[in-house]
Amino acid sequence: MTATPTLTHEPAERTARPQPTPRRPRLTRAQFEERFFGVLRRVVIVFLAAITIVPFYYMLMLSVKPIDALLLDPGNLWVSAKEFTLGTYESVLKSSEDGGQGFLGMLLNSALVAVATVLLTLAAAVPGAYAVSRLKFFGNRQVSALFLAVYLFPATLLAVPLFVMFAKMGLSGSLIGLAIVYIAQTVPVSIYMLKNYFVTIPFSIEEAAAIDGASRLQTVRKIILPLALPTLMATGLYVFMIAWNEFLFALLFLAADPERWTVSLGLQQLANGIEVSKTVLMAGSVVLTIPVVLLFFSAERLLTEGLTSGADKS
């Protein structure tokens, strides 16, 4: 008899082998840079926002504090309901005859000078920028660089000659003379800014308008200016901030007549005043800053509308 081979039965359940841990896919260079710069962008935005907002917030908090609370805890960044007061703003805005600082009249003077400077600067800069960008004449390429070079002259170099010239004209102590001085400073850079935008507008648009019978003046008024509305707003805002915050020429032209002082002169008077508390000084600083901030946010909305309207008209 042949022996039957013995069958070996394998176990029903095999011993479980450890599975290898799946490796995370390596980041590509593009993915790493995207994540790194994404985090870096957020950090930079937070940092810039902090160094911009925190000083203004601290200035605002100091302006609504009584002076005794400031002396007890100058580093406190919060104002309680018991300490909150608007007496500092009342003191700043009240006229000097009533015991205040007279900032309300200074705000009106600054607004008058700044608005007049913006309107007259744009009225002179728009034709000049259009001529430089469209018309061909000798020295066309050098004109814009010359305008920018004039703007780079320091203000102290021009202060004395301008003061002597305007004194002989009888405009040394007037708001009109101050606005004209600001126009002389802002027109060159305004022409430079507007010219850089006008050259981007296709010349074919003006040719189509000329074929339809429009004159050059009508083309500028009905086509170029609507398309250039965002740049006009940006240039006007830039000129307004220069005229609103300027101090040297305002001091030189208006120092002898306090009734015509601008806000920058009034704020300097508060800073030099021994009897003026720091809370009143901070209130004056807020009064100087708030109109520019409000105008900026209003202009931002108008800039967006101007971009879309320009696109429709093109």
C-alpha atoms as a PDB file:
ATOM      1  CA  MET A   1       0.000   0.000   0.000  1.00  0.00           C
ATOM      2  CA  THR A   2       1.243   3.409  -0.876  1.00  0.00           C
ATOM      3  CA  ALA A   3       1.130   5.890   1.912  1.00  0.00           C
ATOM      4  CA  THR A   4      -1.079   8.850   1.302  1.00  0.00           C
ATOM      5  CA  PRO A   5       0.722  12.151   1.743  1.00  0.00           C
ATOM      6  CA  THR A   6      -0.210  14.136   4.768  1.00  0.00           C
ATOM      7  CA  LEU A   7      -1.950  17.399   3.882  1.00  0.00           C
ATOM      8  CA  THR A   8      -0.859  20.431   5.865  1.00  0.00           C
ATOM      9  CA  HIS A   9      -3.694  22.815   6.595  1.00  0.00           C
ATOM     10  CA  GLU A  10      -2.769  26.502   6.438  1.00  0.00           C
ATOM     11  CA  PRO A  11      -4.150  28.634   9.202  1.00  0.00           C
ATOM     12  CA  ALA A  12      -7.412  30.294   8.362  1.00  0.00           C
ATOM     13  CA  GLU A  13      -6.169  33.684   9.478  1.00  0.00           C
ATOM     14  CA  ARG A  14      -2.783  34.834   8.365  1.00  0.00           C
ATOM     15  CA  THR A  15      -0.692  36.985  10.602  1.00  0.00           C
ATOM     16  CA  ALA A  16      -1.427  40.643   9.805  1.00  0.00           C
ATOM     17  CA  ARG A  17       1.602  42.424   8.475  1.00  0.00           C
ATOM     18  CA  PRO A  18       2.181  46.065   9.428  1.00  0.00           C
ATOM     19  CA  GLN A  19       1.239  48.389   6.597  1.00  0.00           C
ATOM     20  CA  PRO A  20       3.792  51.009   5.639  1.00  0.00           C
ATOM     21  CA  THR A  21       2.896  54.554   6.693  1.00  0.00           C
ATOM     22  CA  PRO A  22       1.839  56.559   3.637  1.00  0.00           C
ATOM     23  CA  ARG A  23       4.233  59.390   2.909  1.00  0.00           C
ATOM     24  CA  ARG A  24       2.925  62.881   2.515  1.00  0.00           C
ATOM     25  CA  PRO A  25       3.405  64.161  -0.969  1.00  0.00           C
ATOM     26  CA  ARG A  26       6.195  66.676  -1.222  1.00  0.00           C
ATOM     27  CA  LEU A  27       5.272  70.267  -1.882  1.00  0.00           C
ATOM     28  CA  THR A  28       6.383  71.597  -5.177  1.00  0.00           C
ATOM     29  CA  ARG A  29       8.307  74.818  -5.307  1.00  0.00           C
ATOM     30  CA  ALA A  30       5.288  76.686  -6.666  1.00  0.00           C
ATOM     31  CA  GLN A  31       3.039  75.378  -3.864  1.00  0.00           C
ATOM     32  CA  PHE A  32       5.617  76.243  -1.199  1.00  0.00           C
ATOM     33  CA  GLU A  33       6.035  79.769  -2.538  1.00  0.00           C
ATOM     34  CA  GLU A  34       2.273  80.225  -2.749  1.00  0.00           C
ATOM     35  CA  ARG A  35       1.769  79.196   0.881  1.00  0.00           C
ATOM     36  CA  PHE A  36       4.812  81.081   2.153  1.00  0.00           C
ATOM     37  CA  PHE A  37       3.969  84.353   0.428  1.00  0.00           C
ATOM     38  CA  GLY A  38       0.305  83.945   1.372  1.00  0.00           C
ATOM     39  CA  VAL A  39       1.247  83.820   5.059  1.00  0.00           C
ATOM     40  CA  LEU A  40       3.825  86.585   4.613  1.00  0.00           C
ATOM     41  CA  ARG A  41       1.250  88.801   2.911  1.00  0.00           C
ATOM     42  CA  ARG A  42      -1.139  88.434   5.839  1.00  0.00           C
ATOM     43  CA  VAL A  43       1.620  89.188   8.341  1.00  0.00           C
ATOM     44  CA  VAL A  44       2.667  92.316   6.443  1.00  0.00           C
ATOM     45  CA  ILE A  45      -0.957  93.515   6.172  1.00  0.00           C
ATOM     46  CA  VAL A  46      -1.518  93.037   9.899  1.00  0.00           C
ATOM     47  CA  PHE A  47       1.766  94.803  10.703  1.00  0.00           C
ATOM     48  CA  LEU A  48       1.035  97.784   8.467  1.00  0.00           C
ATOM     49  CA  ALA A  49      -2.522  98.023   9.783  1.00  0.00           C
ATOM     50  CA  ALA A  50      -1.233  97.971  13.361  1.00  0.00           C
ATOM     51  CA  ILE A  51       1.355 100.724  12.893  1.00  0.00           C
ATOM     52  CA  THR A  52      -1.249 102.814  11.062  1.00  0.00           C
ATOM     53  CA  ILE A  53      -4.346 102.281  13.176  1.00  0.00           C
ATOM     54  CA  VAL A  54      -2.881 102.020  16.684  1.00  0.00           C
ATOM     55  CA  PRO A  55      -1.380 105.573  16.778  1.00  0.00           C
ATOM     56  CA  PHE A  56      -4.602 107.069  15.438  1.00  0.00           C
ATOM     57  CA  TYR A  57      -6.643 105.019  17.934  1.00  0.00           C
ATOM     58  CA  TYR A  58      -4.418 106.174  20.801  1.00  0.00           C
ATOM     59  CA  MET A  59      -4.745 109.781  19.626  1.00  0.00           C
ATOM     60  CA  LEU A  60      -8.535 109.390  19.507  1.00  0.00           C
ATOM     61  CA  MET A  61      -8.649 107.896  23.005  1.00  0.00           C
ATOM     62  CA  LEU A  62      -6.523 110.704  24.422  1.00  0.00           C
ATOM     63  CA  SER A  63      -8.808 113.301  22.843  1.00  0.00           C
ATOM     64  CA  VAL A  64     -11.848 112.074  24.804  1.00  0.00           C
ATOM     65  CA  LYS A  65     -10.075 111.749  28.177  1.00  0.00           C
ATOM     66  CA  PRO A  66      -9.885 114.338  30.935  1.00  0.00           C
ATOM     67  CA  ILE A  67      -6.383 115.504  31.676  1.00  0.00           C
ATOM     68  CA  ASP A  68      -6.338 114.006  35.196  1.00  0.00           C
ATOM     69  CA  ALA A  69      -7.112 110.509  33.834  1.00  0.00           C
ATOM     70  CA  LEU A  70      -4.279 110.889  31.339  1.00  0.00           C
ATOM     71  CA  LEU A  71      -1.803 111.887  34.042  1.00  0.00           C
ATOM     72  CA  LEU A  72      -2.815 108.962  36.275  1.00  0.00           C
ATOM     73  CA  ASP A  73      -2.529 106.288  33.569  1.00  0.00           C
ATOM     74  CA  PRO A  74      -1.043 107.584  30.290  1.00  0.00           C
ATOM     75  CA  GLY A  75      -0.651 104.093  28.820  1.00  0.00           C
ATOM     76  CA  ASN A  76      -4.316 103.126  29.138  1.00  0.00           C
ATOM     77  CA  LEU A  77      -5.790 102.410  25.683  1.00  0.00           C
ATOM     78  CA  TRP A  78      -9.388 102.378  26.847  1.00  0.00           C
ATOM     79  CA  VAL A  79     -11.741 105.096  28.081  1.00  0.00           C
ATOM     80  CA  SER A  80     -14.449 104.235  30.567  1.00  0.00           C
ATOM     81  CA  ALA A  81     -17.914 105.725  30.419  1.00  0.00           C
ATOM     82  CA  LYS A  82     -17.178 107.868  33.479  1.00  0.00           C
ATOM     83  CA  GLU A  83     -14.048 109.333  31.910  1.00  0.00           C
ATOM     84  CA  PHE A  84     -15.475 109.913  28.423  1.00  0.00           C
ATOM     85  CA  THR A  85     -15.771 113.613  27.607  1.00  0.00           C
ATOM     86  CA  LEU A  86     -16.175 115.805  24.538  1.00  0.00           C
ATOM     87  CA  GLY A  87     -15.076 118.934  26.317  1.00  0.00           C
ATOM     88  CA  THR A  88     -11.742 118.873  24.509  1.00  0.00           C
ATOM     89  CA  TYR A  89     -13.469 119.145  21.130  1.00  0.00           C
ATOM     90  CA  GLU A  90     -15.674 121.915  22.447  1.00  0.00           C
ATOM     91  CA  SER A  91     -12.576 123.785  23.568  1.00  0.00           C
ATOM     92  CA  VAL A  92     -10.857 123.255  20.210  1.00  0.00           C
ATOM     93  CA  LEU A  93     -13.781 124.290  18.016  1.00  0.00           C
ATOM     94  CA  LYS A  94     -14.986 127.202  20.145  1.00  0.00           C
ATOM     95  CA  SER A  95     -13.928 130.636  18.951  1.00  0.00           C
ATOM     96  CA  SER A  96     -11.059 132.405  20.657  1.00  0.00           C
ATOM     97  CA  GLU A  97     -13.417 135.166  21.834  1.00  0.00           C
ATOM     98  CA  ASP A  98     -15.304 132.527  23.843  1.00  0.00           C
ATOM     99  CA  GLY A  99     -12.152 131.058  25.337  1.00  0.00           C
ATOM    100  CA  GLY A 100     -11.565 128.325  22.762  1.00  0.00           C
ATOM    101  CA  GLN A 101      -8.930 127.659  20.136  1.00  0.00           C
ATOM    102  CA  GLY A 102     -10.957 128.784  17.093  1.00  0.00           C
ATOM    103  CA  PHE A 103     -10.445 125.657  15.005  1.00  0.00           C
ATOM    104  CA  LEU A 104     -13.840 125.952  13.337  1.00  0.00           C
ATOM    105  CA  GLY A 105     -12.783 129.095  11.483  1.00  0.00           C
ATOM    106  CA  MET A 106      -9.435 127.490  10.659  1.00  0.00           C
ATOM    107  CA  LEU A 107     -11.241 124.489   9.185  1.00  0.00           C
ATOM    108  CA  LEU A 108     -13.210 126.821   6.911  1.00  0.00           C
ATOM    109  CA  ASN A 109     -10.021 128.611   5.842  1.00  0.00           C
ATOM    110  CA  SER A 110      -8.243 125.323   5.109  1.00  0.00           C
ATOM    111  CA  ALA A 111     -11.226 123.979   3.188  1.00  0.00           C
ATOM    112  CA  LEU A 112     -11.464 127.144   1.099  1.00  0.00           C
ATOM    113  CA  VAL A 113      -7.763 127.105   0.231  1.00  0.00           C
ATOM    114  CA  ALA A 114      -7.676 123.338  -0.459  1.00  0.00           C
ATOM    115  CA  VAL A 115     -10.793 123.271  -2.664  1.00  0.00           C
ATOM    116  CA  ALA A 116      -9.668 126.318  -4.627  1.00  0.00           C
ATOM    117  CA  THR A 117      -6.239 124.747  -5.106  1.00  0.00           C
ATOM    118  CA  VAL A 118      -7.752 121.494  -6.396  1.00  0.00           C
ATOM    119  CA  LEU A 119     -10.105 123.205  -8.865  1.00  0.00           C
ATOM    120  CA  LEU A 120      -7.529 125.631 -10.252  1.00  0.00           C
ATOM    121  CA  THR A 121      -4.804 122.988 -10.400  1.00  0.00           C
ATOM    122  CA  LEU A 122      -6.984 120.590 -12.395  1.00  0.00           C
ATOM    123  CA  ALA A 123      -8.146 123.429 -14.654  1.00  0.00           C
ATOM    124  CA  ALA A 124      -4.515 124.159 -15.526  1.00  0.00           C
ATOM    125  CA  ALA A 125      -3.177 120.587 -15.460  1.00  0.00           C
ATOM    126  CA  VAL A 126      -5.766 118.899 -17.710  1.00  0.00           C
ATOM    127  CA  PRO A 127      -5.059 121.016 -20.846  1.00  0.00           C
ATOM    128  CA  GLY A 128      -1.333 120.907 -20.138  1.00  0.00           C
ATOM    129  CA  ALA A 129      -1.249 117.129 -19.703  1.00  0.00           C
ATOM    130  CA  TYR A 130      -3.382 116.611 -22.805  1.00  0.00           C
ATOM    131  CA  ALA A 131      -1.111 118.835 -24.868  1.00  0.00           C
ATOM    132  CA  VAL A 132       2.025 117.043 -23.697  1.00  0.00           C
ATOM    133  CA  SER A 133       0.520 113.601 -24.356  1.00  0.00           C
ATOM    134  CA  ARG A 134      -1.124 114.305 -27.737  1.00  0.00           C
ATOM    135  CA  LEU A 135       0.471 117.267 -29.484  1.00  0.00           C
ATOM    136  CA  LYS A 136       3.826 117.039 -31.223  1.00  0.00           C
ATOM    137  CA  PHE A 137       6.205 119.940 -30.677  1.00  0.00           C
ATOM    138  CA  PHE A 138       9.886 120.592 -30.107  1.00  0.00           C
ATOM    139  CA  GLY A 139      11.015 119.264 -26.720  1.00  0.00           C
ATOM    140  CA  ASN A 140       7.883 117.170 -26.222  1.00  0.00           C
ATOM    141  CA  ARG A 141       9.741 114.365 -24.461  1.00  0.00           C
ATOM    142  CA  GLN A 142      11.676 116.695 -22.177  1.00  0.00           C
ATOM    143  CA  VAL A 143       8.701 118.725 -20.965  1.00  0.00           C
ATOM    144  CA  SER A 144       7.307 116.111 -18.572  1.00  0.00           C
ATOM    145  CA  ALA A 145      10.748 115.529 -17.063  1.00  0.00           C
ATOM    146  CA  LEU A 146      11.143 119.302 -16.677  1.00  0.00           C
ATOM    147  CA  PHE A 147       7.810 119.518 -14.830  1.00  0.00           C
ATOM    148  CA  LEU A 148       8.901 116.789 -12.444  1.00  0.00           C
ATOM    149  CA  ALA A 149      12.288 118.446 -11.929  1.00  0.00           C
ATOM    150  CA  VAL A 150      10.574 121.716 -10.956  1.00  0.00           C
ATOM    151  CA  TYR A 151       8.512 119.837  -8.380  1.00  0.00           C
ATOM    152  CA  LEU A 152      11.672 118.349  -6.869  1.00  0.00           C
ATOM    153  CA  PHE A 153      13.004 121.777  -5.856  1.00  0.00           C
ATOM    154  CA  PRO A 154      12.838 122.114  -2.040  1.00  0.00           C
ATOM    155  CA  ALA A 155      10.095 124.376  -0.737  1.00  0.00           C
ATOM    156  CA  THR A 156      12.520 126.363   1.398  1.00  0.00           C
ATOM    157  CA  LEU A 157      14.368 127.430  -1.770  1.00  0.00           C
ATOM    158  CA  LEU A 158      11.201 128.962  -3.217  1.00  0.00           C
ATOM    159  CA  ALA A 159       9.752 130.396  -0.009  1.00  0.00           C
ATOM    160  CA  VAL A 160      11.613 133.708   0.161  1.00  0.00           C
ATOM    161  CA  PRO A 161      11.325 134.669  -3.555  1.00  0.00           C
ATOM    162  CA  LEU A 162       7.612 133.823  -3.577  1.00  0.00           C
ATOM    163  CA  PHE A 163       7.007 135.786  -0.387  1.00  0.00           C
ATOM    164  CA  VAL A 164       8.798 138.860  -1.742  1.00  0.00           C
ATOM    165  CA  MET A 165       6.943 138.663  -5.049  1.00  0.00           C
ATOM    166  CA  PHE A 166       3.516 138.229  -3.449  1.00  0.00           C
ATOM    167  CA  ALA A 167       4.230 140.969  -0.897  1.00  0.00           C
ATOM    168  CA  LYS A 168       4.839 143.419  -3.744  1.00  0.00           C
ATOM    169  CA  MET A 169       1.542 142.274  -5.313  1.00  0.00           C
ATOM    170  CA  GLY A 170      -0.330 142.757  -2.020  1.00  0.00           C
ATOM    171  CA  LEU A 171      -1.211 139.054  -1.657  1.00  0.00           C
ATOM    172  CA  SER A 172       1.159 138.084   1.137  1.00  0.00           C
ATOM    173  CA  GLY A 173      -1.533 137.895   3.826  1.00  0.00           C
ATOM    174  CA  SER A 174      -4.475 136.531   1.837  1.00  0.00           C
ATOM    175  CA  LEU A 175      -5.898 133.075   1.304  1.00  0.00           C
ATOM    176  CA  ILE A 176      -5.973 133.721  -2.447  1.00  0.00           C
ATOM    177  CA  GLY A 177      -2.223 134.305  -2.515  1.00  0.00           C
ATOM    178  CA  LEU A 178      -1.669 131.115  -0.516  1.00  0.00           C
ATOM    179  CA  ALA A 179      -3.809 129.128  -2.958  1.00  0.00           C
ATOM    180  CA  ILE A 180      -1.816 130.517  -5.904  1.00  0.00           C
ATOM    181  CA  VAL A 181       1.419 129.439  -4.222  1.00  0.00           C
ATOM    182  CA  TYR A 182       0.018 125.935  -3.773  1.00  0.00           C
ATOM    183  CA  ILE A 183      -1.028 125.878  -7.435  1.00  0.00           C
ATOM    184  CA  ALA A 184       2.530 126.696  -8.474  1.00  0.00           C
ATOM    185  CA  GLN A 185       3.669 123.670  -6.460  1.00  0.00           C
ATOM    186  CA  THR A 186       0.983 121.194  -7.503  1.00  0.00           C
ATOM    187  CA  VAL A 187       0.530 121.898 -11.219  1.00  0.00           C
ATOM    188  CA  PRO A 188       3.841 120.292 -12.349  1.00  0.00           C
ATOM    189  CA  VAL A 189       3.261 116.987 -10.570  1.00  0.00           C
ATOM    190  CA  SER A 190      -0.423 116.995 -11.601  1.00  0.00           C
ATOM    191  CA  ILE A 191       0.546 117.378 -15.264  1.00  0.00           C
ATOM    192  CA  TYR A 192       3.026 114.544 -14.874  1.00  0.00           C
ATOM    193  CA  MET A 193       0.419 112.243 -13.304  1.00  0.00           C
ATOM    194  CA  LEU A 194      -2.321 113.024 -15.815  1.00  0.00           C
ATOM    195  CA  LYS A 195       0.013 112.797 -18.794  1.00  0.00           C
ATOM    196  CA  ASN A 196       0.994 109.245 -17.862  1.00  0.00           C
ATOM    197  CA  TYR A 197      -2.688 108.282 -18.012  1.00  0.00           C
ATOM    198  CA  PHE A 198      -3.613 110.205 -21.154  1.00  0.00           C
ATOM    199  CA  VAL A 199      -0.969 108.381 -23.172  1.00  0.00           C
ATOM    200  CA  THR A 200      -2.712 105.060 -22.381  1.00  0.00           C
ATOM    201  CA  ILE A 201      -5.999 106.156 -23.978  1.00  0.00           C
ATOM    202  CA  PRO A 202      -6.113 104.829 -27.565  1.00  0.00           C
ATOM    203  CA  PHE A 203      -5.802 107.560 -30.165  1.00  0.00           C
ATOM    204  CA  SER A 204      -8.328 105.704 -32.332  1.00  0.00           C
ATOM    205  CA  ILE A 205     -11.102 106.878 -29.984  1.00  0.00           C
ATOM    206  CA  GLU A 206     -10.311 110.502 -30.771  1.00  0.00           C
ATOM    207  CA  GLU A 207     -10.081 109.722 -34.482  1.00  0.00           C
ATOM    208  CA  ALA A 208     -13.545 108.154 -34.374  1.00  0.00           C
ATOM    209  CA  ALA A 209     -14.891 111.246 -32.599  1.00  0.00           C
ATOM    210  CA  ALA A 210     -13.255 113.506 -35.211  1.00  0.00           C
ATOM    211  CA  ILE A 211     -14.896 111.481 -37.995  1.00  0.00           C
ATOM    212  CA  ASP A 212     -18.257 112.017 -36.281  1.00  0.00           C
ATOM    213  CA  GLY A 213     -17.647 115.760 -36.414  1.00  0.00           C
ATOM    214  CA  ALA A 214     -16.517 116.429 -32.823  1.00  0.00           C
ATOM    215  CA  SER A 215     -13.988 119.190 -32.276  1.00  0.00           C
ATOM    216  CA  ARG A 216     -10.904 118.647 -30.145  1.00  0.00           C
ATOM    217  CA  LEU A 217     -12.483 120.488 -27.238  1.00  0.00           C
ATOM    218  CA  GLN A 218     -15.626 118.351 -27.456  1.00  0.00           C
ATOM    219  CA  THR A 219     -13.491 115.223 -27.620  1.00  0.00           C
ATOM    220  CA  VAL A 220     -11.656 116.190 -24.460  1.00  0.00           C
ATOM    221  CA  ARG A 221     -14.841 117.125 -22.618  1.00  0.00           C
ATOM    222  CA  LYS A 222     -17.051 114.209 -23.672  1.00  0.00           C
ATOM    223  CA  ILE A 223     -14.565 111.356 -24.115  1.00  0.00           C
ATOM    224  CA  ILE A 224     -11.156 111.986 -22.521  1.00  0.00           C
ATOM    225  CA  LEU A 225     -12.364 113.432 -19.214  1.00  0.00           C
ATOM    226  CA  PRO A 226     -14.937 110.665 -18.503  1.00  0.00           C
ATOM    227  CA  LEU A 227     -12.299 108.040 -19.248  1.00  0.00           C
ATOM    228  CA  ALA A 228      -9.784 109.858 -17.045  1.00  0.00           C
ATOM    229  CA  LEU A 229     -12.176 110.316 -14.118  1.00  0.00           C
ATOM    230  CA  PRO A 230     -10.333 107.861 -11.796  1.00  0.00           C
ATOM    231  CA  THR A 231      -7.023 109.641 -12.393  1.00  0.00           C
ATOM    232  CA  LEU A 232      -8.656 113.040 -11.958  1.00  0.00           C
ATOM    233  CA  MET A 233     -10.029 111.920  -8.610  1.00  0.00           C
ATOM    234  CA  ALA A 234      -6.673 110.520  -7.501  1.00  0.00           C
ATOM    235  CA  THR A 235      -4.839 113.679  -8.576  1.00  0.00           C
ATOM    236  CA  GLY A 236      -7.419 115.920  -6.923  1.00  0.00           C
ATOM    237  CA  LEU A 237      -7.161 113.970  -3.672  1.00  0.00           C
ATOM    238  CA  TYR A 238      -3.370 114.221  -3.764  1.00  0.00           C
ATOM    239  CA  VAL A 239      -3.507 117.994  -4.331  1.00  0.00           C
ATOM    240  CA  PHE A 240      -6.116 118.397  -1.572  1.00  0.00           C
ATOM    241  CA  MET A 241      -3.919 116.624   0.969  1.00  0.00           C
ATOM    242  CA  ILE A 242      -0.950 118.810   0.038  1.00  0.00           C
ATOM    243  CA  ALA A 243      -2.953 122.013   0.467  1.00  0.00           C
ATOM    244  CA  TRP A 244      -4.681 120.792   3.634  1.00  0.00           C
ATOM    245  CA  ASN A 245      -1.530 119.742   5.502  1.00  0.00           C
ATOM    246  CA  GLU A 246       0.987 122.318   4.213  1.00  0.00           C
ATOM    247  CA  PHE A 247       2.616 124.381   6.948  1.00  0.00           C
ATOM    248  CA  LEU A 248       5.665 126.338   5.708  1.00  0.00           C
ATOM    249  CA  PHE A 249       3.971 128.664   3.211  1.00  0.00           C
ATOM    250  CA  ALA A 250       0.908 129.016   5.446  1.00  0.00           C
ATOM    251  CA  LEU A 251       3.169 130.206   8.253  1.00  0.00           C
ATOM    252  CA  LEU A 252       5.060 132.534   5.932  1.00  0.00           C
ATOM    253  CA  PHE A 253       1.985 134.135   4.376  1.00  0.00           C
ATOM    254  CA  LEU A 254      -0.589 134.099   7.194  1.00  0.00           C
ATOM    255  CA  ALA A 255       1.366 134.383  10.454  1.00  0.00           C
ATOM    256  CA  ALA A 256       0.495 138.055  10.891  1.00  0.00           C
ATOM    257  CA  ASP A 257      -3.288 137.502  10.644  1.00  0.00           C
ATOM    258  CA  PRO A 258      -4.624 134.816  13.051  1.00  0.00           C
ATOM    259  CA  GLU A 259      -8.154 135.140  11.615  1.00  0.00           C
ATOM    260  CA  ARG A 260      -6.903 133.625   8.352  1.00  0.00           C
ATOM    261  CA  TRP A 261      -4.883 130.813   9.858  1.00  0.00           C
ATOM    262  CA  THR A 262      -5.293 127.310   8.512  1.00  0.00           C
ATOM    263  CA  VAL A 263      -5.626 124.179  10.647  1.00  0.00           C
ATOM    264  CA  SER A 264      -1.933 123.312  10.382  1.00  0.00           C
ATOM    265  CA  LEU A 265      -0.996 126.687  11.893  1.00  0.00           C
ATOM    266  CA  GLY A 266      -3.555 126.254  14.663  1.00  0.00           C
ATOM    267  CA  LEU A 267      -2.243 122.807  15.499  1.00  0.00           C
ATOM    268  CA  GLN A 268       1.310 124.121  15.697  1.00  0.00           C
ATOM    269  CA  GLN A 269       0.079 126.826  18.080  1.00  0.00           C
ATOM    270  CA  LEU A 270      -1.449 124.145  20.302  1.00  0.00           C
ATOM    271  CA  ALA A 271       1.773 122.111  20.240  1.00  0.00           C
ATOM    272  CA  ASN A 272       3.813 125.142  21.361  1.00  0.00           C
ATOM    273  CA  GLY A 273       1.302 126.289  23.960  1.00  0.00           C
ATOM    274  CA  ILE A 274       2.442 125.735  27.544  1.00  0.00           C
ATOM    275  CA  GLU A 275      -1.046 126.037  29.059  1.00  0.00           C
ATOM    276  CA  VAL A 276      -2.687 123.779  26.467  1.00  0.00           C
ATOM    277  CA  SER A 277      -3.225 120.222  27.697  1.00  0.00           C
ATOM    278  CA  LYS A 278      -2.211 117.244  25.606  1.00  0.00           C
ATOM    279  CA  THR A 279      -5.813 116.088  25.417  1.00  0.00           C
ATOM    280  CA  VAL A 280      -6.781 119.331  23.664  1.00  0.00           C
ATOM    281  CA  LEU A 281      -3.783 118.913  21.358  1.00  0.00           C
ATOM    282  CA  MET A 282      -4.939 115.396  20.459  1.00  0.00           C
ATOM    283  CA  ALA A 283      -8.444 116.706  19.793  1.00  0.00           C
ATOM    284  CA  GLY A 284      -6.977 119.273  17.405  1.00  0.00           C
ATOM    285  CA  SER A 285      -5.010 116.517  15.670  1.00  0.00           C
ATOM    286  CA  VAL A 286      -8.191 114.472  15.218  1.00  0.00           C
ATOM    287  CA  VAL A 287      -9.990 117.515  13.816  1.00  0.00           C
ATOM    288  CA  LEU A 288      -7.141 117.947  11.319  1.00  0.00           C
ATOM    289  CA  THR A 289      -7.143 114.269  10.311  1.00  0.00           C
ATOM    290  CA  ILE A 290     -10.836 113.348  10.110  1.00  0.00           C
ATOM    291  CA  PRO A 291     -11.736 115.437   6.991  1.00  0.00           C
ATOM    292  CA  VAL A 292      -8.900 113.864   4.989  1.00  0.00           C
ATOM    293  CA  VAL A 293      -9.911 110.349   6.085  1.00  0.00           C
ATOM    294  CA  LEU A 294     -13.561 110.930   5.178  1.00  0.00           C
ATOM    295  CA  LEU A 295     -12.591 112.434   1.843  1.00  0.00           C
ATOM    296  CA  PHE A 296     -10.344 109.461   1.092  1.00  0.00           C
ATOM    297  CA  PHE A 297     -13.113 106.924   1.701  1.00  0.00           C
ATOM    298  CA  SER A 298     -15.560 108.986  -0.371  1.00  0.00           C
ATOM    299  CA  ALA A 299     -13.020 109.280  -3.183  1.00  0.00           C
ATOM    300  CA  GLU A 300     -12.385 105.531  -3.052  1.00  0.00           C
ATOM    301  CA  ARG A 301     -16.031 104.889  -3.898  1.00  0.00           C
ATOM    302  CA  LEU A 302     -15.945 107.503  -6.648  1.00  0.00           C
ATOM    303  CA  LEU A 303     -12.751 106.000  -8.036  1.00  0.00           C
ATOM    304  CA  THR A 304     -14.475 102.630  -8.437  1.00  0.00           C
ATOM    305  CA  GLU A 305     -17.478 104.219 -10.127  1.00  0.00           C
ATOM    306  CA  GLY A 306     -15.164 106.175 -12.395  1.00  0.00           C
ATOM    307  CA  LEU A 307     -13.380 103.020 -13.490  1.00  0.00           C
ATOM    308  CA  THR A 308     -16.618 101.291 -14.468  1.00  0.00           C
ATOM    309  CA  SER A 309     -18.051 104.351 -16.218  1.00  0.00           C
ATOM    310  CA  GLY A 310     -14.826 104.771 -18.165  1.00  0.00           C
ATOM    311  CA  ALA A 311     -15.009 101.161 -19.282  1.00  0.00           C
ATOM    312  CA  ASP A 312     -18.588 101.623 -20.504  1.00  0.00           C
ATOM    313  CA  LYS A 313     -17.720 104.726 -22.475  1.00  0.00           C
ATOM    314  CA  SER A 314     -14.739 103.098 -24.131  1.00  0.00           C
END
